[in-house]
PDB file of N, CA and C in Angstrom:
ATOM      1  N   MET A   1       2.146  -9.536   4.794  1.00  0.00           N
ATOM      2  CA  MET A   1       0.573  -9.317   4.951  1.00  0.00           C
ATOM      3  C   MET A   1       0.469  -8.585   5.058  1.00  0.00           C
ATOM      4  N   LYS A   2      -0.932  -7.866   5.293  1.00  0.00           N
ATOM      5  CA  LYS A   2      -1.756  -7.597   4.711  1.00  0.00           C
ATOM      6  C   LYS A   2      -2.763  -6.292   5.208  1.00  0.00           C
ATOM      7  N   ALA A   3      -3.279  -5.291   5.352  1.00  0.00           N
ATOM      8  CA  ALA A   3      -3.325  -4.066   5.393  1.00  0.00           C
ATOM      9  C   ALA A   3      -5.107  -4.243   5.719  1.00  0.00           C
ATOM     10  N   ILE A   4      -5.731  -3.399   6.617  1.00  0.00           N
ATOM     11  CA  ILE A   4      -7.347  -3.941   5.941  1.00  0.00           C
ATOM     12  C   ILE A   4      -8.145  -2.635   6.745  1.00  0.00           C
ATOM     13  N   ILE A   5      -9.198  -1.768   6.468  1.00  0.00           N
ATOM     14  CA  ILE A   5      -9.076  -0.332   6.753  1.00  0.00           C
ATOM     15  C   ILE A   5     -10.339  -0.852   6.712  1.00  0.00           C
ATOM     16  N   ASP A   6     -11.646  -0.589   7.873  1.00  0.00           N
ATOM     17  CA  ASP A   6     -12.959  -0.942   7.575  1.00  0.00           C
ATOM     18  C   ASP A   6     -13.595   0.498   7.098  1.00  0.00           C
ATOM     19  N   ARG A   7     -13.840   0.868   6.133  1.00  0.00           N
ATOM     20  CA  ARG A   7     -14.370   1.988   5.933  1.00  0.00           C
ATOM     21  C   ARG A   7     -15.797   2.844   6.612  1.00  0.00           C
ATOM     22  N   GLU A   8     -16.929   1.751   6.939  1.00  0.00           N
ATOM     23  CA  GLU A   8     -18.320   1.619   6.825  1.00  0.00           C
ATOM     24  C   GLU A   8     -17.560   3.046   8.514  1.00  0.00           C
ATOM     25  N   ASN A   9     -16.762   2.557   9.238  1.00  0.00           N
ATOM     26  CA  ASN A   9     -16.452   3.393  10.425  1.00  0.00           C
ATOM     27  C   ASN A   9     -15.574   4.335  10.140  1.00  0.00           C
ATOM     28  N   CYS A  10     -14.504   4.382   9.123  1.00  0.00           N
ATOM     29  CA  CYS A  10     -13.281   5.531   8.838  1.00  0.00           C
ATOM     30  C   CYS A  10     -14.508   6.705   8.942  1.00  0.00           C
ATOM     31  N   ILE A  11     -13.304   7.736  10.157  1.00  0.00           N
ATOM     32  CA  ILE A  11     -14.036   9.033   9.584  1.00  0.00           C
ATOM     33  C   ILE A  11     -12.475  10.601   8.854  1.00  0.00           C
ATOM     34  N   GLY A  12     -11.731   9.551   7.958  1.00  0.00           N
ATOM     35  CA  GLY A  12     -11.402  10.446   7.172  1.00  0.00           C
ATOM     36  C   GLY A  12     -10.286  11.644   7.551  1.00  0.00           C
ATOM     37  N   CYS A  13      -9.390  10.950   8.870  1.00  0.00           N
ATOM     38  CA  CYS A  13      -8.667  11.990   9.318  1.00  0.00           C
ATOM     39  C   CYS A  13      -7.753  11.921   9.109  1.00  0.00           C
ATOM     40  N   GLY A  14      -7.191  11.198   8.317  1.00  0.00           N
ATOM     41  CA  GLY A  14      -5.881  11.318   6.918  1.00  0.00           C
ATOM     42  C   GLY A  14      -4.406  11.138   7.833  1.00  0.00           C
ATOM     43  N   LEU A  15      -4.934  10.628   9.116  1.00  0.00           N
ATOM     44  CA  LEU A  15      -3.352  10.267   9.792  1.00  0.00           C
ATOM     45  C   LEU A  15      -2.721   8.873   9.311  1.00  0.00           C
ATOM     46  N   CYS A  16      -3.350   7.705   9.115  1.00  0.00           N
ATOM     47  CA  CYS A  16      -2.852   6.659   8.654  1.00  0.00           C
ATOM     48  C   CYS A  16      -2.176   7.366   7.235  1.00  0.00           C
ATOM     49  N   THR A  17      -2.682   8.210   5.997  1.00  0.00           N
ATOM     50  CA  THR A  17      -1.803   8.763   5.056  1.00  0.00           C
ATOM     51  C   THR A  17      -1.214   9.590   5.074  1.00  0.00           C
ATOM     52  N   ALA A  18      -0.468  10.121   6.395  1.00  0.00           N
ATOM     53  CA  ALA A  18       0.458  11.232   6.916  1.00  0.00           C
ATOM     54  C   ALA A  18       1.450   9.651   7.112  1.00  0.00           C
ATOM     55  N   THR A  19       1.061   9.350   8.009  1.00  0.00           N
ATOM     56  CA  THR A  19       1.413   8.160   8.737  1.00  0.00           C
ATOM     57  C   THR A  19       2.809   6.932   7.669  1.00  0.00           C
ATOM     58  N   CYS A  20       2.053   6.403   6.696  1.00  0.00           N
ATOM     59  CA  CYS A  20       2.239   5.763   5.977  1.00  0.00           C
ATOM     60  C   CYS A  20       1.856   6.363   4.578  1.00  0.00           C
ATOM     61  N   PRO A  21       1.934   6.891   3.939  1.00  0.00           N
ATOM     62  CA  PRO A  21       1.652   7.079   2.667  1.00  0.00           C
ATOM     63  C   PRO A  21       2.207   5.978   1.591  1.00  0.00           C
ATOM     64  N   GLN A  22       2.932   5.172   1.982  1.00  0.00           N
ATOM     65  CA  GLN A  22       3.377   3.449   1.023  1.00  0.00           C
ATOM     66  C   GLN A  22       2.406   2.873   1.263  1.00  0.00           C
ATOM     67  N   ILE A  23       1.295   3.047   1.896  1.00  0.00           N
ATOM     68  CA  ILE A  23      -0.104   2.139   2.050  1.00  0.00           C
ATOM     69  C   ILE A  23      -1.238   2.653   2.130  1.00  0.00           C
ATOM     70  N   PHE A  24      -0.898   3.585   2.547  1.00  0.00           N
ATOM     71  CA  PHE A  24      -2.377   3.914   3.418  1.00  0.00           C
ATOM     72  C   PHE A  24      -2.791   5.710   1.565  1.00  0.00           C
ATOM     73  N   ARG A  25      -3.990   5.591   1.527  1.00  0.00           N
ATOM     74  CA  ARG A  25      -4.183   7.242   0.491  1.00  0.00           C
ATOM     75  C   ARG A  25      -5.620   7.182   1.240  1.00  0.00           C
ATOM     76  N   MET A  26      -6.360   8.204   0.836  1.00  0.00           N
ATOM     77  CA  MET A  26      -7.324   9.276   0.781  1.00  0.00           C
ATOM     78  C   MET A  26      -8.137   8.817  -0.831  1.00  0.00           C
ATOM     79  N   ALA A  27      -9.252   8.512  -0.474  1.00  0.00           N
ATOM     80  CA  ALA A  27      -9.860   7.823  -1.764  1.00  0.00           C
ATOM     81  C   ALA A  27     -10.506   9.523  -2.102  1.00  0.00           C
ATOM     82  N   GLU A  28     -11.227   8.936  -2.890  1.00  0.00           N
ATOM     83  CA  GLU A  28     -12.309  10.525  -3.822  1.00  0.00           C
ATOM     84  C   GLU A  28     -13.613  10.914  -3.059  1.00  0.00           C
ATOM     85  N   ASP A  29     -13.555   9.356  -2.351  1.00  0.00           N
ATOM     86  CA  ASP A  29     -14.804   9.923  -1.136  1.00  0.00           C
ATOM     87  C   ASP A  29     -14.628  10.331   0.017  1.00  0.00           C
ATOM     88  N   GLY A  30     -13.428  10.780   0.026  1.00  0.00           N
ATOM     89  CA  GLY A  30     -12.960  11.228   1.265  1.00  0.00           C
ATOM     90  C   GLY A  30     -12.441  10.680   2.820  1.00  0.00           C
ATOM     91  N   LEU A  31     -12.829   9.172   2.212  1.00  0.00           N
ATOM     92  CA  LEU A  31     -11.835   7.508   3.110  1.00  0.00           C
ATOM     93  C   LEU A  31     -10.537   7.540   2.895  1.00  0.00           C
ATOM     94  N   ALA A  32     -10.363   6.512   3.748  1.00  0.00           N
ATOM     95  CA  ALA A  32      -9.069   6.068   3.571  1.00  0.00           C
ATOM     96  C   ALA A  32      -8.995   5.217   3.038  1.00  0.00           C
ATOM     97  N   GLU A  33      -7.806   4.291   2.026  1.00  0.00           N
ATOM     98  CA  GLU A  33      -7.990   2.629   1.308  1.00  0.00           C
ATOM     99  C   GLU A  33      -6.359   2.440   1.336  1.00  0.00           C
ATOM    100  N   VAL A  34      -6.623   1.318   0.740  1.00  0.00           N
ATOM    101  CA  VAL A  34      -5.077   0.655   1.166  1.00  0.00           C
ATOM    102  C   VAL A  34      -5.166  -0.030  -0.654  1.00  0.00           C
ATOM    103  N   TYR A  35      -3.871   0.550  -0.567  1.00  0.00           N
ATOM    104  CA  TYR A  35      -3.999   0.714  -2.034  1.00  0.00           C
ATOM    105  C   TYR A  35      -2.146  -0.438  -2.589  1.00  0.00           C
ATOM    106  N   VAL A  36      -1.779  -0.269  -1.486  1.00  0.00           N
ATOM    107  CA  VAL A  36      -0.768  -1.120  -1.766  1.00  0.00           C
ATOM    108  C   VAL A  36      -0.993  -2.624  -1.085  1.00  0.00           C
ATOM    109  N   ASP A  37      -0.486  -4.154  -1.497  1.00  0.00           N
ATOM    110  CA  ASP A  37      -1.000  -5.348  -1.458  1.00  0.00           C
ATOM    111  C   ASP A  37      -0.064  -6.207  -1.636  1.00  0.00           C
ATOM    112  N   PRO A  38       0.458  -7.197  -1.156  1.00  0.00           N
ATOM    113  CA  PRO A  38       0.390  -7.283   0.085  1.00  0.00           C
ATOM    114  C   PRO A  38       1.526  -5.701   0.853  1.00  0.00           C
ATOM    115  N   ILE A  39       1.598  -5.609   1.987  1.00  0.00           N
ATOM    116  CA  ILE A  39       2.526  -5.055   2.868  1.00  0.00           C
ATOM    117  C   ILE A  39       3.969  -5.184   2.222  1.00  0.00           C
ATOM    118  N   PRO A  40       4.387  -4.513   1.822  1.00  0.00           N
ATOM    119  CA  PRO A  40       6.224  -4.595   1.215  1.00  0.00           C
ATOM    120  C   PRO A  40       6.639  -4.732   2.705  1.00  0.00           C
ATOM    121  N   ASN A  41       7.550  -5.462   3.028  1.00  0.00           N
ATOM    122  CA  ASN A  41       8.832  -5.557   4.050  1.00  0.00           C
ATOM    123  C   ASN A  41       9.037  -4.656   4.707  1.00  0.00           C
ATOM    124  N   LYS A  42       9.513  -3.215   4.178  1.00  0.00           N
ATOM    125  CA  LYS A  42      10.047  -2.098   4.206  1.00  0.00           C
ATOM    126  C   LYS A  42       9.448  -0.779   4.977  1.00  0.00           C
ATOM    127  N   ALA A  43       7.418  -1.378   4.126  1.00  0.00           N
ATOM    128  CA  ALA A  43       6.990  -0.323   4.592  1.00  0.00           C
ATOM    129  C   ALA A  43       6.271  -1.039   6.141  1.00  0.00           C
ATOM    130  N   ILE A  44       6.540  -2.586   6.759  1.00  0.00           N
ATOM    131  CA  ILE A  44       5.304  -3.309   7.702  1.00  0.00           C
ATOM    132  C   ILE A  44       5.481  -1.874   8.805  1.00  0.00           C
ATOM    133  N   ASP A  45       6.044  -1.756   9.507  1.00  0.00           N
ATOM    134  CA  ASP A  45       6.640  -0.884  10.330  1.00  0.00           C
ATOM    135  C   ASP A  45       5.685   0.573  10.614  1.00  0.00           C
ATOM    136  N   CYS A  46       5.553   1.299   9.744  1.00  0.00           N
ATOM    137  CA  CYS A  46       4.737   2.012   9.159  1.00  0.00           C
ATOM    138  C   CYS A  46       3.415   1.684   9.281  1.00  0.00           C
ATOM    139  N   ALA A  47       3.481   1.012   8.602  1.00  0.00           N
ATOM    140  CA  ALA A  47       1.931   0.571   8.549  1.00  0.00           C
ATOM    141  C   ALA A  47       1.035  -0.009  10.180  1.00  0.00           C
ATOM    142  N   ASN A  48       1.789  -0.696  10.603  1.00  0.00           N
ATOM    143  CA  ASN A  48       1.414  -1.021  12.254  1.00  0.00           C
ATOM    144  C   ASN A  48       1.580   0.129  13.170  1.00  0.00           C
ATOM    145  N   GLU A  49       2.625   1.139  12.579  1.00  0.00           N
ATOM    146  CA  GLU A  49       2.629   3.033  13.656  1.00  0.00           C
ATOM    147  C   GLU A  49       0.672   2.920  13.314  1.00  0.00           C
ATOM    148  N   ALA A  50       0.801   2.846  12.250  1.00  0.00           N
ATOM    149  CA  ALA A  50      -0.580   3.661  11.972  1.00  0.00           C
ATOM    150  C   ALA A  50      -1.735   3.033  11.626  1.00  0.00           C
ATOM    151  N   ALA A  51      -1.372   2.334  11.914  1.00  0.00           N
ATOM    152  CA  ALA A  51      -3.055   1.136  12.590  1.00  0.00           C
ATOM    153  C   ALA A  51      -2.871   1.354  14.353  1.00  0.00           C
ATOM    154  N   ALA A  52      -1.691   1.507  15.081  1.00  0.00           N
ATOM    155  CA  ALA A  52      -1.902   2.029  15.995  1.00  0.00           C
ATOM    156  C   ALA A  52      -2.153   3.254  16.207  1.00  0.00           C
ATOM    157  N   GLY A  53      -2.078   4.279  15.727  1.00  0.00           N
ATOM    158  CA  GLY A  53      -2.063   5.697  15.711  1.00  0.00           C
ATOM    159  C   GLY A  53      -3.773   5.777  15.473  1.00  0.00           C
ATOM    160  N   CYS A  54      -4.675   5.286  14.854  1.00  0.00           N
ATOM    161  CA  CYS A  54      -6.037   5.726  14.094  1.00  0.00           C
ATOM    162  C   CYS A  54      -6.986   5.281  15.338  1.00  0.00           C
ATOM    163  N   PRO A  55      -7.428   6.860  15.462  1.00  0.00           N
ATOM    164  CA  PRO A  55      -8.030   7.558  16.673  1.00  0.00           C
ATOM    165  C   PRO A  55      -9.607   6.791  16.608  1.00  0.00           C
ATOM    166  N   VAL A  56     -10.000   5.867  15.645  1.00  0.00           N
ATOM    167  CA  VAL A  56     -11.006   4.715  15.542  1.00  0.00           C
ATOM    168  C   VAL A  56     -11.283   3.471  15.238  1.00  0.00           C
ATOM    169  N   SER A  57      -9.316   2.938  15.633  1.00  0.00           N
ATOM    170  CA  SER A  57      -9.309   2.300  15.341  1.00  0.00           C
ATOM    171  C   SER A  57     -10.101   1.058  14.210  1.00  0.00           C
ATOM    172  N   VAL A  58      -9.709   1.752  13.189  1.00  0.00           N
ATOM    173  CA  VAL A  58     -10.660   1.034  12.003  1.00  0.00           C
ATOM    174  C   VAL A  58      -9.667   0.236  10.822  1.00  0.00           C
ATOM    175  N   ILE A  59      -8.150   0.281  11.410  1.00  0.00           N
ATOM    176  CA  ILE A  59      -6.924  -0.017  10.467  1.00  0.00           C
ATOM    177  C   ILE A  59      -6.535  -1.263  11.373  1.00  0.00           C
ATOM    178  N   SER A  60      -6.327  -2.585  10.636  1.00  0.00           N
ATOM    179  CA  SER A  60      -6.167  -4.109  11.528  1.00  0.00           C
ATOM    180  C   SER A  60      -4.636  -4.456  10.152  1.00  0.00           C
ATOM    181  N   ILE A  61      -4.503  -5.488  10.570  1.00  0.00           N
ATOM    182  CA  ILE A  61      -2.656  -5.509  10.161  1.00  0.00           C
ATOM    183  C   ILE A  61      -2.652  -7.302   9.708  1.00  0.00           C
ATOM    184  N   GLU A  62      -3.023  -8.133   9.054  1.00  0.00           N
ATOM    185  CA  GLU A  62      -2.888  -9.589   9.290  1.00  0.00           C
ATOM    186  C   GLU A  62      -1.775  -9.646   8.237  1.00  0.00           C
TER     187      GLU A  62
END
């Protein structure tokens, strides 16, 4: 599985990094980024939780 962030529409709230720091981090530009690809099996649940909790729905898990 793979996480994708639409960084153009990311608001940089940091919820994804708080929910799933194993996959997401804040980049130097203040927006979230995916830094682990593919998602390890042990992090799939938190990645899905981060995607579901994103207030602007810019995270997709494929």
